[in-house]
Amino acid sequence: MLLVAVVAAGATALYPIWRKAHPDPPELTVRYRTDTPATATAAEPSLEVFNDSEQPLPLSDVALRYYFTADGGSYAFNCVQAAFDCSDVAGTVVELDKPTDTADHYLELRFTDAAGTLKPGANSKGIDVQLYRVDHKKLDQSNDRSFDAEKTTYKESKTITAYKRGVLAWGEEPDGKKPDSDSKNTSKAAADPAPDLPSGVLFDNFHYTGAKDPALFKHGWLVRTSDGGPGIEDTWSADGVTFPSEKDALGDGQVLNLRAGTDGTKAGTKQASVGTSGREFKSGTYAARIHFSDDPTTGKNGDHVNQTFYTIGGKGTTYSELDNEYLPNGGWGRLGPKLDNVTWHTVEDRVYNTTVKSLAGWHTVVMTVKDGVVTYRVDGRKIYTTSGKYAPRAGMSVNFNTWFIDLPFKGGERAWDMKVDWLYYNAKDALSLEDVDSAVKDYSENGMNYFNTTS
């Protein structure tokens, strides 16, 4: 009996040492790759999650953290590509309570239930994201904890941490904490999955690096560079499409800026337009927070400029178009500032209402389409209603542009800017301004910068 007791006591004393030398296998593994050098316009980590357990692993149970040094800048993220869908990826940039030389912030990625479940031994495949400064200055990644320029193919990375239902399951945190089944390495933020997405909704708050950002195209946006009208024909350019930081934007984020510039000649004119590639939008609620301008950003005033939020689709007997056109200096022989709301039946048959009033500054513009009735609102106030044949008969694209009706004078360069903070579309309901604002605020606060469940 004495011998058994001694052996048992010895085994108990030695167990922590044995366990340290033979740790439990991880429940999940994170692999990482990147194509970017240390100095880049954006960090571009590509991540994979492996389920190393013998049980199914819902990705909504997982949170990932990528650590970096902010170097005094403010940061944003977007998802470029994921095997499930970028709509199911939420991201939040968080400041560390205890910064180190290589990490004072982290990007936390979470996933919705729709991201799916990994079977035992399965791989999420690549989750490609971008992390960048909202002032678009280049990054110095050389002192970023999670960056590794040598990992150009997928390799395990323990400088990226993963959490399963809030418990550290992979990697090493900047303070040295590692997974340990005897401790509670929990994080409240990491324990919360991304919220479930409503069906039939598009939301985008325009977190992009520029007109050539691959995420912009992947998220269904097209920057117009084609020939034709309206306005000064064949002058559409990507040069006027930017995404600057904006203190008045949702969450101190970014805006879509559409700049039209001219010196009064066609050769010296550039117009800007961005629209959805999809045309699945018809009934429901269209809402955008827009900054209209009564004065040029640079140069002399007096141009007949058109700042527009509109939808268009169909052709012939199904032609459909809904317009919000703000003309600070008027146009087509009518004075401004004014807002034209126009519903089209054909390219030659339309009805419209004109609100003669300055709308300089930020406004939430809403169009609702329900039971064949179109209603235009600005800041919750009803402006105009159409019905009967003056209602959409086909799916449409959603568009924003800034363009010149004509060129009333030559000499002197000038530029006009229209800003768009966010776009929200709900195919199911005709919503109030309060409902729209509540939904948009909730998406932003949960790191849902973009999602599209309309198709």
Protein backbone atom coordinates (compact mmCIF):
# COMPACT_ATOMS: atom_id res chain seq x y z
CA MET A 1 0.00 0.00 0.00
CA LEU A 2 2.82 2.37 0.86
CA LEU A 3 4.54 1.69 -2.48
CA VAL A 4 1.35 2.42 -4.41
CA ALA A 5 0.88 5.68 -2.55
CA VAL A 6 4.42 6.80 -3.29
CA VAL A 7 4.11 5.95 -6.98
CA ALA A 8 0.77 7.73 -7.19
CA ALA A 9 2.12 10.82 -5.46
CA GLY A 10 5.16 10.86 -7.73
CA ALA A 11 3.00 10.55 -10.82
CA THR A 12 0.87 13.44 -9.64
CA ALA A 13 3.92 15.61 -9.02
CA LEU A 14 5.49 14.74 -12.37
CA TYR A 15 2.28 15.18 -14.41
CA PRO A 16 2.68 18.95 -15.07
CA ILE A 17 6.26 18.37 -16.29
CA TRP A 18 5.14 15.51 -18.58
CA ARG A 19 2.23 17.58 -19.89
CA LYS A 20 4.51 20.51 -20.71
CA ALA A 21 6.69 18.19 -22.77
CA HIS A 22 3.64 16.50 -24.33
CA PRO A 23 0.95 19.21 -24.70
CA ASP A 24 -2.52 18.37 -25.90
CA PRO A 25 -2.87 18.77 -29.67
CA PRO A 26 -4.53 22.05 -30.65
CA GLU A 27 -8.24 22.10 -31.47
CA LEU A 28 -7.52 24.34 -34.43
CA THR A 29 -4.56 25.63 -36.42
CA VAL A 30 -4.10 28.95 -38.25
CA ARG A 31 -1.96 29.22 -41.36
CA TYR A 32 -0.90 32.53 -42.92
CA ARG A 33 0.58 33.90 -46.13
CA THR A 34 1.12 37.34 -47.69
CA ASP A 35 2.42 38.83 -50.93
CA THR A 36 3.18 42.30 -49.57
CA PRO A 37 6.63 43.67 -48.70
CA ALA A 38 7.34 45.44 -45.42
CA THR A 39 6.47 48.82 -46.97
CA ALA A 40 3.06 48.64 -48.64
CA THR A 41 -0.18 50.55 -49.13
CA ALA A 42 -2.03 47.82 -47.23
CA ALA A 43 -1.33 44.73 -45.18
CA GLU A 44 -2.78 41.74 -47.01
CA PRO A 45 -2.88 38.72 -44.72
CA SER A 46 -4.45 35.57 -46.11
CA LEU A 47 -5.55 33.16 -43.39
CA GLU A 48 -6.71 29.55 -43.17
CA VAL A 49 -8.36 27.83 -40.22
CA PHE A 50 -7.96 24.05 -39.81
CA ASN A 51 -10.22 22.01 -37.57
CA ASP A 52 -7.80 19.68 -35.76
CA SER A 53 -10.41 18.32 -33.36
CA GLU A 54 -12.65 15.31 -33.72
CA GLN A 55 -15.79 17.43 -33.53
CA PRO A 56 -17.43 19.81 -36.07
CA LEU A 57 -16.22 23.39 -35.68
CA PRO A 58 -18.68 26.21 -36.54
CA LEU A 59 -16.66 29.17 -37.83
CA SER A 60 -19.01 31.43 -35.85
CA ASP A 61 -17.31 29.97 -32.73
CA VAL A 62 -13.93 31.26 -33.96
CA ALA A 63 -12.29 34.69 -33.76
CA LEU A 64 -8.88 35.54 -35.24
CA ARG A 65 -6.52 38.33 -34.20
CA TYR A 66 -3.81 39.86 -36.38
CA TYR A 67 -1.42 42.08 -34.38
CA PHE A 68 0.32 45.21 -35.67
CA THR A 69 1.68 48.63 -34.73
CA ALA A 70 -0.50 51.54 -35.85
CA ASP A 71 2.38 54.07 -36.02
CA GLY A 72 -0.02 56.86 -35.12
CA GLY A 73 -2.59 56.17 -37.84
CA SER A 74 -6.24 55.15 -37.89
CA TYR A 75 -6.99 51.87 -39.64
CA ALA A 76 -9.78 50.15 -41.52
CA PHE A 77 -10.19 46.71 -43.04
CA ASN A 78 -12.02 44.99 -45.85
CA CYS A 79 -12.49 41.41 -46.95
CA VAL A 80 -11.33 40.73 -50.50
CA GLN A 81 -12.26 37.08 -50.82
CA ALA A 82 -13.40 34.11 -48.77
CA ALA A 83 -14.45 30.62 -49.81
CA PHE A 84 -17.77 31.07 -48.00
CA ASP A 85 -18.46 34.79 -48.69
CA CYS A 86 -17.04 38.12 -47.55
CA SER A 87 -20.54 39.02 -46.39
CA ASP A 88 -19.96 36.56 -43.54
CA VAL A 89 -16.78 38.26 -42.26
CA ALA A 90 -16.85 41.03 -39.64
CA GLY A 91 -13.76 42.98 -38.66
CA THR A 92 -12.88 45.38 -35.87
CA VAL A 93 -9.61 47.23 -35.19
CA VAL A 94 -8.91 47.30 -31.44
CA GLU A 95 -6.24 49.07 -29.38
CA LEU A 96 -4.34 46.83 -26.96
CA ASP A 97 -4.50 47.67 -23.26
CA LYS A 98 -0.87 46.60 -22.86
CA PRO A 99 1.03 47.51 -26.04
CA THR A 100 4.40 46.02 -26.94
CA ASP A 101 7.12 47.07 -29.38
CA THR A 102 5.51 44.98 -32.12
CA ALA A 103 1.82 45.26 -31.29
CA ASP A 104 -0.36 48.10 -30.07
CA HIS A 105 -3.47 47.16 -32.08
CA TYR A 106 -5.06 44.09 -33.56
CA LEU A 107 -7.57 43.33 -36.27
CA GLU A 108 -10.17 40.91 -34.97
CA LEU A 109 -12.10 38.82 -37.50
CA ARG A 110 -15.37 37.10 -36.61
CA PHE A 111 -17.78 35.07 -38.70
CA THR A 112 -21.52 34.65 -39.08
CA ASP A 113 -23.36 31.33 -38.81
CA ALA A 114 -23.65 31.37 -42.61
CA ALA A 115 -19.85 30.98 -42.87
CA GLY A 116 -20.52 27.32 -42.19
CA THR A 117 -19.02 24.51 -40.11
CA LEU A 118 -15.68 22.79 -40.59
CA LYS A 119 -15.78 19.01 -40.37
CA PRO A 120 -12.96 17.31 -38.45
CA GLY A 121 -9.76 17.78 -40.44
CA ALA A 122 -11.36 20.38 -42.78
CA ASN A 123 -9.87 23.70 -43.86
CA SER A 124 -11.70 27.03 -44.21
CA LYS A 125 -9.54 27.80 -47.26
CA GLY A 126 -8.21 31.29 -47.82
CA ILE A 127 -9.71 34.29 -46.05
CA ASP A 128 -8.10 37.24 -47.82
CA VAL A 129 -8.34 40.62 -46.07
CA GLN A 130 -6.77 44.05 -46.29
CA LEU A 131 -5.72 46.29 -43.40
CA TYR A 132 -4.81 49.87 -44.25
CA ARG A 133 -4.57 53.43 -42.97
CA VAL A 134 -7.64 55.53 -43.70
CA ASP A 135 -5.35 58.43 -44.64
CA HIS A 136 -3.89 56.04 -47.26
CA LYS A 137 -0.29 56.56 -46.12
CA LYS A 138 2.02 53.61 -46.67
CA LEU A 139 2.50 51.08 -43.89
CA ASP A 140 5.75 50.06 -42.27
CA GLN A 141 5.08 46.42 -41.43
CA SER A 142 8.63 45.61 -40.36
CA ASN A 143 7.72 45.93 -36.66
CA ASP A 144 4.26 44.31 -36.91
CA ARG A 145 4.02 41.19 -34.77
CA SER A 146 1.87 39.15 -37.15
CA PHE A 147 3.57 40.20 -40.41
CA ASP A 148 6.05 37.80 -42.00
CA ALA A 149 7.29 38.62 -45.51
CA GLU A 150 8.92 35.20 -45.80
CA LYS A 151 5.59 33.39 -45.58
CA THR A 152 4.57 33.74 -49.24
CA THR A 153 2.90 30.32 -49.10
CA TYR A 154 0.61 29.11 -46.33
CA LYS A 155 2.48 28.19 -43.16
CA GLU A 156 1.49 27.92 -39.52
CA SER A 157 1.72 31.23 -37.66
CA LYS A 158 1.52 31.48 -33.89
CA THR A 159 1.78 35.28 -33.96
CA ILE A 160 -1.84 35.22 -35.12
CA THR A 161 -4.12 34.07 -32.33
CA ALA A 162 -7.38 32.16 -32.61
CA TYR A 163 -10.15 31.85 -30.03
CA LYS A 164 -12.86 29.23 -29.76
CA ARG A 165 -15.93 30.59 -27.98
CA GLY A 166 -13.73 33.17 -26.31
CA VAL A 167 -10.96 30.82 -25.15
CA LEU A 168 -7.47 31.12 -26.60
CA ALA A 169 -7.03 28.02 -28.75
CA TRP A 170 -4.08 28.85 -30.99
CA GLY A 171 -1.05 31.12 -31.05
CA GLU A 172 0.66 33.34 -28.53
CA GLU A 173 -0.65 36.73 -27.45
CA PRO A 174 1.79 39.68 -27.30
CA ASP A 175 2.04 39.35 -23.50
CA GLY A 176 3.18 35.73 -23.86
CA LYS A 177 -0.09 34.04 -23.00
CA LYS A 178 -0.55 30.66 -24.72
CA PRO A 179 -3.41 28.16 -24.88
CA ASP A 180 -3.79 26.28 -21.61
CA SER A 181 -6.74 24.05 -20.85
CA ASP A 182 -6.27 24.72 -17.12
CA SER A 183 -6.82 28.49 -17.49
CA LYS A 184 -9.56 30.78 -18.72
CA ASN A 185 -7.91 32.79 -21.47
CA THR A 186 -11.13 34.48 -22.41
CA SER A 187 -11.96 37.64 -24.28
CA LYS A 188 -15.50 38.97 -24.33
CA ALA A 189 -15.14 40.47 -27.81
CA ALA A 190 -13.71 37.26 -29.21
CA ALA A 191 -16.50 35.22 -27.62
CA ASP A 192 -19.25 36.99 -29.57
CA PRO A 193 -19.91 35.70 -33.11
CA ALA A 194 -20.78 38.11 -35.89
CA PRO A 195 -24.53 38.77 -35.97
CA ASP A 196 -26.78 36.80 -38.29
CA LEU A 197 -27.46 38.60 -41.56
CA PRO A 198 -30.96 39.52 -42.71
CA SER A 199 -31.89 38.24 -46.16
CA GLY A 200 -32.48 40.62 -49.05
CA VAL A 201 -30.17 43.36 -47.74
CA LEU A 202 -27.15 45.20 -49.15
CA PHE A 203 -25.04 47.38 -46.87
CA ASP A 204 -21.74 49.08 -47.64
CA ASN A 205 -19.95 51.87 -45.77
CA PHE A 206 -17.22 52.14 -48.42
CA HIS A 207 -14.10 50.90 -46.65
CA TYR A 208 -11.82 50.66 -49.69
CA THR A 209 -8.28 51.70 -50.56
CA GLY A 210 -9.12 53.24 -53.92
CA ALA A 211 -10.78 52.81 -57.31
CA LYS A 212 -8.55 49.81 -58.08
CA ASP A 213 -9.13 48.02 -54.78
CA PRO A 214 -9.90 44.38 -55.66
CA ALA A 215 -12.46 44.28 -52.86
CA LEU A 216 -14.48 47.01 -54.60
CA PHE A 217 -14.96 44.79 -57.65
CA LYS A 218 -15.46 41.64 -55.57
CA HIS A 219 -18.22 43.42 -53.65
CA GLY A 220 -20.09 44.12 -56.85
CA TRP A 221 -19.11 47.71 -57.65
CA LEU A 222 -18.06 49.03 -61.05
CA VAL A 223 -16.15 52.28 -61.57
CA ARG A 224 -17.23 53.75 -64.87
CA THR A 225 -14.59 54.50 -67.49
CA SER A 226 -16.71 53.77 -70.58
CA ASP A 227 -17.74 56.20 -73.29
CA GLY A 228 -21.08 57.94 -73.64
CA GLY A 229 -23.26 60.27 -71.61
CA PRO A 230 -24.89 61.76 -69.74
CA GLY A 231 -23.18 65.11 -69.46
CA ILE A 232 -19.94 65.69 -71.32
CA GLU A 233 -19.69 62.53 -73.37
CA ASP A 234 -16.71 60.20 -73.13
CA THR A 235 -15.19 61.89 -70.07
CA TRP A 236 -15.84 59.22 -67.42
CA SER A 237 -12.70 58.52 -65.39
CA ALA A 238 -11.64 56.49 -62.37
CA ASP A 239 -9.46 59.44 -61.26
CA GLY A 240 -12.38 61.07 -59.49
CA VAL A 241 -13.29 58.00 -57.40
CA THR A 242 -11.58 58.01 -54.00
CA PHE A 243 -12.29 56.86 -50.45
CA PRO A 244 -10.93 59.51 -48.07
CA SER A 245 -11.26 59.48 -44.30
CA GLU A 246 -14.07 61.69 -43.03
CA LYS A 247 -14.64 62.81 -39.45
CA ASP A 248 -18.39 63.11 -40.10
CA ALA A 249 -18.64 59.60 -41.54
CA LEU A 250 -20.21 56.65 -39.80
CA GLY A 251 -17.84 55.54 -37.05
CA ASP A 252 -15.24 58.18 -38.06
CA GLY A 253 -14.59 56.04 -41.12
CA GLN A 254 -14.41 56.67 -44.83
CA VAL A 255 -16.65 57.95 -47.60
CA LEU A 256 -17.01 57.38 -51.30
CA ASN A 257 -15.96 60.66 -52.92
CA LEU A 258 -17.03 61.37 -56.51
CA ARG A 259 -15.20 64.31 -58.08
CA ALA A 260 -16.05 65.94 -61.39
CA GLY A 261 -13.43 68.40 -62.63
CA THR A 262 -13.11 70.66 -65.64
CA ASP A 263 -11.34 73.68 -67.08
CA GLY A 264 -14.32 74.43 -69.29
CA THR A 265 -13.18 72.25 -72.19
CA LYS A 266 -14.09 68.67 -73.05
CA ALA A 267 -10.43 67.71 -73.13
CA GLY A 268 -10.01 69.11 -69.62
CA THR A 269 -13.13 67.43 -68.15
CA LYS A 270 -13.45 64.29 -66.03
CA GLN A 271 -16.69 62.93 -64.60
CA ALA A 272 -17.06 60.23 -61.91
CA SER A 273 -19.53 57.38 -61.47
CA VAL A 274 -19.80 54.18 -59.39
CA GLY A 275 -22.60 51.63 -59.68
CA THR A 276 -23.50 48.07 -58.82
CA SER A 277 -22.79 45.38 -61.39
CA GLY A 278 -25.90 43.53 -60.26
CA ARG A 279 -29.41 44.56 -61.26
CA GLU A 280 -31.38 42.64 -58.68
CA PHE A 281 -32.74 45.75 -56.95
CA LYS A 282 -36.43 46.55 -57.37
CA SER A 283 -38.97 46.85 -54.53
CA GLY A 284 -38.06 47.81 -50.99
CA THR A 285 -35.97 50.60 -49.47
CA TYR A 286 -32.99 52.42 -50.97
CA ALA A 287 -31.15 54.71 -48.57
CA ALA A 288 -27.87 56.62 -48.71
CA ARG A 289 -26.27 59.29 -46.56
CA ILE A 290 -24.97 61.89 -49.01
CA HIS A 291 -23.07 65.16 -48.77
CA PHE A 292 -24.20 67.55 -51.50
CA SER A 293 -22.15 70.63 -52.44
CA ASP A 294 -23.33 74.12 -53.41
CA ASP A 295 -19.80 75.31 -54.10
CA PRO A 296 -16.85 73.76 -55.90
CA THR A 297 -14.12 72.27 -53.74
CA THR A 298 -11.63 74.26 -55.82
CA GLY A 299 -12.01 76.95 -58.45
CA LYS A 300 -14.74 79.32 -59.57
CA ASN A 301 -18.44 78.64 -59.04
CA GLY A 302 -21.04 78.62 -61.82
CA ASP A 303 -20.96 75.13 -63.38
CA HIS A 304 -24.16 73.24 -64.10
CA VAL A 305 -23.13 70.19 -62.12
CA ASN A 306 -25.38 67.23 -61.27
CA GLN A 307 -24.87 65.21 -58.07
CA THR A 308 -26.94 62.04 -58.41
CA PHE A 309 -28.20 58.96 -56.55
CA TYR A 310 -30.25 56.83 -58.92
CA THR A 311 -31.34 53.36 -60.01
CA ILE A 312 -31.73 52.12 -63.59
CA GLY A 313 -32.56 48.89 -65.38
CA GLY A 314 -34.65 47.12 -67.96
CA LYS A 315 -35.27 48.30 -71.50
CA GLY A 316 -38.14 48.88 -73.87
CA THR A 317 -41.40 47.93 -72.15
CA THR A 318 -39.61 47.21 -68.86
CA TYR A 319 -37.43 50.34 -68.67
CA SER A 320 -37.14 51.52 -65.06
CA GLU A 321 -35.33 54.48 -63.48
CA LEU A 322 -35.58 56.39 -60.21
CA ASP A 323 -33.56 59.60 -59.81
CA ASN A 324 -32.40 61.96 -57.08
CA GLU A 325 -30.57 64.75 -58.94
CA TYR A 326 -29.17 67.71 -57.01
CA LEU A 327 -28.22 70.72 -59.13
CA PRO A 328 -26.71 73.54 -57.02
CA ASN A 329 -26.56 75.94 -59.97
CA GLY A 330 -29.54 74.58 -61.85
CA GLY A 331 -29.48 73.37 -65.43
CA TRP A 332 -31.57 72.77 -68.51
CA GLY A 333 -32.77 76.36 -68.34
CA ARG A 334 -33.94 76.19 -64.70
CA LEU A 335 -32.35 77.86 -61.71
CA GLY A 336 -30.90 76.16 -58.64
CA PRO A 337 -30.18 75.08 -56.07
CA LYS A 338 -32.76 72.35 -56.59
CA LEU A 339 -33.44 68.65 -56.18
CA ASP A 340 -35.20 66.85 -59.02
CA ASN A 341 -36.94 63.55 -58.18
CA VAL A 342 -37.77 61.71 -61.39
CA THR A 343 -39.58 58.43 -62.08
CA TRP A 344 -39.27 57.10 -65.62
CA HIS A 345 -41.66 54.88 -67.60
CA THR A 346 -39.67 54.99 -70.83
CA VAL A 347 -36.67 56.99 -71.98
CA GLU A 348 -39.15 59.60 -73.22
CA ASP A 349 -41.94 59.31 -70.66
CA ARG A 350 -41.24 60.50 -67.13
CA VAL A 351 -42.73 62.50 -64.27
CA TYR A 352 -40.81 64.64 -61.83
CA ASN A 353 -40.96 66.98 -58.88
CA THR A 354 -38.59 69.86 -58.15
CA THR A 355 -37.69 71.01 -54.65
CA VAL A 356 -36.13 74.47 -54.91
CA LYS A 357 -33.93 74.53 -51.85
CA SER A 358 -30.28 74.29 -50.88
CA LEU A 359 -29.31 70.83 -49.66
CA ALA A 360 -25.66 71.62 -49.06
CA GLY A 361 -24.25 69.30 -46.40
CA TRP A 362 -25.15 65.83 -45.15
CA HIS A 363 -28.58 64.34 -45.79
CA THR A 364 -30.13 60.87 -45.73
CA VAL A 365 -31.90 60.27 -49.03
CA VAL A 366 -34.46 57.46 -49.08
CA MET A 367 -36.53 55.93 -51.88
CA THR A 368 -39.15 53.29 -51.11
CA VAL A 369 -40.93 51.09 -53.64
CA LYS A 370 -43.93 49.14 -52.35
CA ASP A 371 -47.07 47.88 -54.10
CA GLY A 372 -46.26 49.94 -57.19
CA VAL A 373 -45.83 53.19 -55.25
CA VAL A 374 -42.53 55.10 -55.27
CA THR A 375 -41.87 57.59 -52.48
CA TYR A 376 -38.90 59.94 -52.27
CA ARG A 377 -37.79 61.31 -48.89
CA VAL A 378 -34.98 63.52 -47.58
CA ASP A 379 -34.13 63.30 -43.87
CA GLY A 380 -37.44 61.53 -43.27
CA ARG A 381 -39.59 64.21 -44.96
CA LYS A 382 -41.72 63.05 -47.88
CA ILE A 383 -40.83 64.92 -51.08
CA TYR A 384 -42.69 63.16 -53.89
CA THR A 385 -44.76 60.07 -54.71
CA THR A 386 -45.45 58.33 -58.03
CA SER A 387 -47.48 55.23 -58.91
CA GLY A 388 -49.28 53.45 -61.72
CA LYS A 389 -47.06 53.08 -64.75
CA TYR A 390 -44.45 55.31 -63.06
CA ALA A 391 -42.93 52.56 -60.96
CA PRO A 392 -40.12 50.05 -61.58
CA ARG A 393 -40.96 47.07 -63.78
CA ALA A 394 -37.51 45.48 -63.79
CA GLY A 395 -34.54 44.91 -61.54
CA MET A 396 -32.15 47.85 -61.46
CA SER A 397 -28.58 48.77 -60.57
CA VAL A 398 -27.80 51.34 -57.88
CA ASN A 399 -25.56 54.25 -58.90
CA PHE A 400 -23.89 57.44 -57.71
CA ASN A 401 -22.29 60.01 -60.00
CA THR A 402 -21.15 63.60 -60.38
CA TRP A 403 -21.26 65.10 -63.87
CA PHE A 404 -21.62 68.32 -65.85
CA ILE A 405 -24.78 69.07 -67.83
CA ASP A 406 -22.77 71.45 -70.00
CA LEU A 407 -19.70 73.69 -69.82
CA PRO A 408 -20.97 77.28 -69.39
CA PHE A 409 -17.55 78.96 -69.26
CA LYS A 410 -13.90 78.28 -70.06
CA GLY A 411 -10.79 79.19 -68.17
CA GLY A 412 -9.74 78.14 -64.70
CA GLU A 413 -9.82 74.63 -63.30
CA ARG A 414 -12.55 73.73 -60.81
CA ALA A 415 -13.64 70.53 -59.06
CA TRP A 416 -16.93 69.42 -57.53
CA ASP A 417 -17.24 66.69 -54.89
CA MET A 418 -20.19 64.56 -53.81
CA LYS A 419 -19.62 62.28 -50.79
CA VAL A 420 -21.48 59.09 -49.91
CA ASP A 421 -21.14 57.77 -46.36
CA TRP A 422 -23.05 54.51 -46.80
CA LEU A 423 -25.62 52.67 -48.91
CA TYR A 424 -28.40 50.51 -47.49
CA TYR A 425 -30.96 48.50 -49.44
CA ASN A 426 -33.70 46.27 -48.03
CA ALA A 427 -35.71 44.28 -50.57
CA LYS A 428 -38.48 43.28 -48.18
CA ASP A 429 -39.70 46.41 -46.46
CA ALA A 430 -40.49 50.08 -46.96
CA LEU A 431 -38.63 51.42 -43.93
CA SER A 432 -38.71 54.68 -42.00
CA LEU A 433 -35.62 56.82 -41.51
CA GLU A 434 -35.45 55.66 -37.90
CA ASP A 435 -35.45 52.01 -38.97
CA VAL A 436 -32.73 52.65 -41.54
CA ASP A 437 -30.52 54.56 -39.11
CA SER A 438 -30.92 51.86 -36.45
CA ALA A 439 -29.95 49.07 -38.85
CA VAL A 440 -26.96 50.96 -40.24
CA LYS A 441 -25.67 51.82 -36.76
CA ASP A 442 -25.97 48.19 -35.67
CA TYR A 443 -24.07 46.89 -38.71
CA SER A 444 -21.26 49.40 -38.27
CA GLU A 445 -20.84 48.77 -34.56
CA ASN A 446 -20.57 45.03 -35.21
CA GLY A 447 -17.82 45.45 -37.82
CA MET A 448 -20.08 44.57 -40.74
CA ASN A 449 -18.62 47.04 -43.24
CA TYR A 450 -20.11 45.22 -46.19
CA PHE A 451 -22.57 42.43 -46.88
CA ASN A 452 -24.98 41.50 -49.65
CA THR A 453 -27.72 38.93 -49.21
CA THR A 454 -29.93 40.12 -52.08
CA SER A 455 -29.13 37.34 -54.54
